[in-house]
């Protein structure tokens, strides 16, 4: 399943769980072109789907790619964003929905139910 397919799957699960619709490809930084896969700007909650981990060659799996991802992620954190990173398995097993729900409700400090 492609990264965009994973995004569509997560959007579907959000809809069937009656969760607020996110903005897609949300540009969060005023000077950089960084985008979150999904974002709820009013809550400063974002989701990054880790679809590239399933590819043998991905820009996110190189030293330069990991360095860029660190820069983006750290900039998001220091500007007040909660950024959840999820995989296909976490989307499919419901963990992603649970984390998103808790982050939107500002209960992210609770231990996971599993």
Protein backbone atom coordinates (compact mmCIF):
# COMPACT_ATOMS: atom_id res chain seq x y z
CA UNK A 1 0.00 0.00 0.00
CA UNK A 2 1.41 3.40 -0.97
CA UNK A 3 1.87 6.29 1.45
CA UNK A 4 -1.12 8.04 -0.13
CA UNK A 5 -3.07 4.78 0.25
CA UNK A 6 -2.12 4.73 3.92
CA UNK A 7 -3.31 8.31 4.25
CA UNK A 8 -6.64 7.42 2.66
CA UNK A 9 -6.98 4.43 4.99
CA UNK A 10 -6.32 6.57 8.06
CA UNK A 11 -8.78 9.22 6.82
CA UNK A 12 -11.39 6.46 6.43
CA UNK A 13 -10.78 5.22 9.99
CA UNK A 14 -11.05 8.79 11.30
CA UNK A 15 -14.44 9.18 9.55
CA UNK A 16 -15.92 5.91 10.80
CA UNK A 17 -14.78 6.76 14.34
CA UNK A 18 -16.56 10.15 14.18
CA UNK A 19 -13.33 12.05 14.66
CA UNK A 20 -12.72 15.57 13.39
CA UNK A 21 -11.46 15.79 9.83
CA UNK A 22 -7.83 16.87 9.56
CA UNK A 23 -6.20 19.10 7.00
CA UNK A 24 -3.99 17.12 4.63
CA UNK A 25 -0.51 18.17 3.51
CA UNK A 26 -0.63 21.02 6.02
CA UNK A 27 2.27 23.48 5.77
CA UNK A 28 3.13 24.22 9.39
CA UNK A 29 6.27 26.34 9.14
CA UNK A 30 6.22 29.95 7.91
CA UNK A 31 9.61 29.82 6.17
CA UNK A 32 10.13 26.18 5.24
CA UNK A 33 8.06 24.04 2.89
CA UNK A 34 7.58 21.32 5.47
CA UNK A 35 4.17 19.70 5.53
CA UNK A 36 2.45 17.27 7.85
CA UNK A 37 0.54 14.37 6.28
CA UNK A 38 -2.47 15.19 8.50
CA UNK A 39 -2.96 18.09 10.91
CA UNK A 40 -5.46 19.63 13.26
CA UNK A 41 -3.98 23.16 13.47
CA UNK A 42 -6.44 24.36 16.11
CA UNK A 43 -5.09 21.63 18.44
CA UNK A 44 -1.51 21.75 17.10
CA UNK A 45 -1.68 17.98 16.58
CA UNK A 46 -0.20 16.35 13.49
CA UNK A 47 0.34 12.87 12.07
CA UNK A 48 3.24 11.71 9.96
CA UNK A 49 2.62 8.37 8.23
CA UNK A 50 5.79 6.30 7.98
CA UNK A 51 5.07 4.62 4.65
CA UNK A 52 8.66 4.89 3.41
CA UNK A 53 9.88 2.29 5.90
CA UNK A 54 8.48 -0.39 3.59
CA UNK A 55 10.56 0.71 0.58
CA UNK A 56 14.05 -0.56 -0.08
CA UNK A 57 15.09 2.87 -1.35
CA UNK A 58 13.45 5.85 0.28
CA UNK A 59 14.70 9.37 0.90
CA UNK A 60 13.65 8.94 4.51
CA UNK A 61 15.93 5.92 5.04
CA UNK A 62 19.23 7.64 4.18
CA UNK A 63 21.47 9.56 6.56
CA UNK A 64 20.55 12.82 4.82
CA UNK A 65 16.84 11.95 4.90
CA UNK A 66 16.90 11.05 8.58
CA UNK A 67 18.75 14.29 9.31
CA UNK A 68 16.09 16.29 7.41
CA UNK A 69 13.31 14.45 9.25
CA UNK A 70 14.98 15.23 12.58
CA UNK A 71 15.19 18.92 11.69
CA UNK A 72 11.53 19.01 10.66
CA UNK A 73 10.38 17.06 13.72
CA UNK A 74 12.41 19.09 16.18
CA UNK A 75 11.23 22.38 14.66
CA UNK A 76 7.64 21.16 14.99
CA UNK A 77 8.17 20.29 18.67
CA UNK A 78 9.82 23.57 19.60
CA UNK A 79 6.99 25.48 17.92
CA UNK A 80 4.41 23.65 20.03
CA UNK A 81 3.18 20.78 17.86
CA UNK A 82 2.37 17.25 19.05
CA UNK A 83 3.50 15.04 16.18
CA UNK A 84 2.45 11.40 16.05
CA UNK A 85 4.40 9.03 13.80
CA UNK A 86 2.42 5.99 12.68
CA UNK A 87 2.98 2.91 10.54
CA UNK A 88 0.61 0.82 8.45
CA UNK A 89 0.26 -1.73 11.25
CA UNK A 90 -0.63 0.99 13.77
CA UNK A 91 -3.26 2.39 11.42
CA UNK A 92 -4.75 -1.06 10.84
CA UNK A 93 -4.72 -2.23 14.48
CA UNK A 94 -6.36 0.93 15.83
CA UNK A 95 -3.37 2.29 17.78
CA UNK A 96 -3.14 5.35 15.50
CA UNK A 97 -6.80 6.26 16.11
CA UNK A 98 -6.33 5.86 19.86
CA UNK A 99 -3.25 8.11 19.91
CA UNK A 100 -4.94 10.74 17.73
CA UNK A 101 -8.06 10.74 19.90
CA UNK A 102 -5.98 11.12 23.06
CA UNK A 103 -3.78 13.86 21.57
CA UNK A 104 -6.84 15.81 20.41
CA UNK A 105 -8.35 15.47 23.88
CA UNK A 106 -5.00 16.47 25.46
CA UNK A 107 -4.77 13.19 27.34
CA UNK A 108 -1.56 12.06 25.71
CA UNK A 109 0.06 11.58 29.12
CA UNK A 110 -2.16 8.59 29.93
CA UNK A 111 -0.48 5.22 29.49
CA UNK A 112 -1.64 3.25 26.44
CA UNK A 113 -4.45 0.72 27.04
CA UNK A 114 -2.29 -2.20 25.86
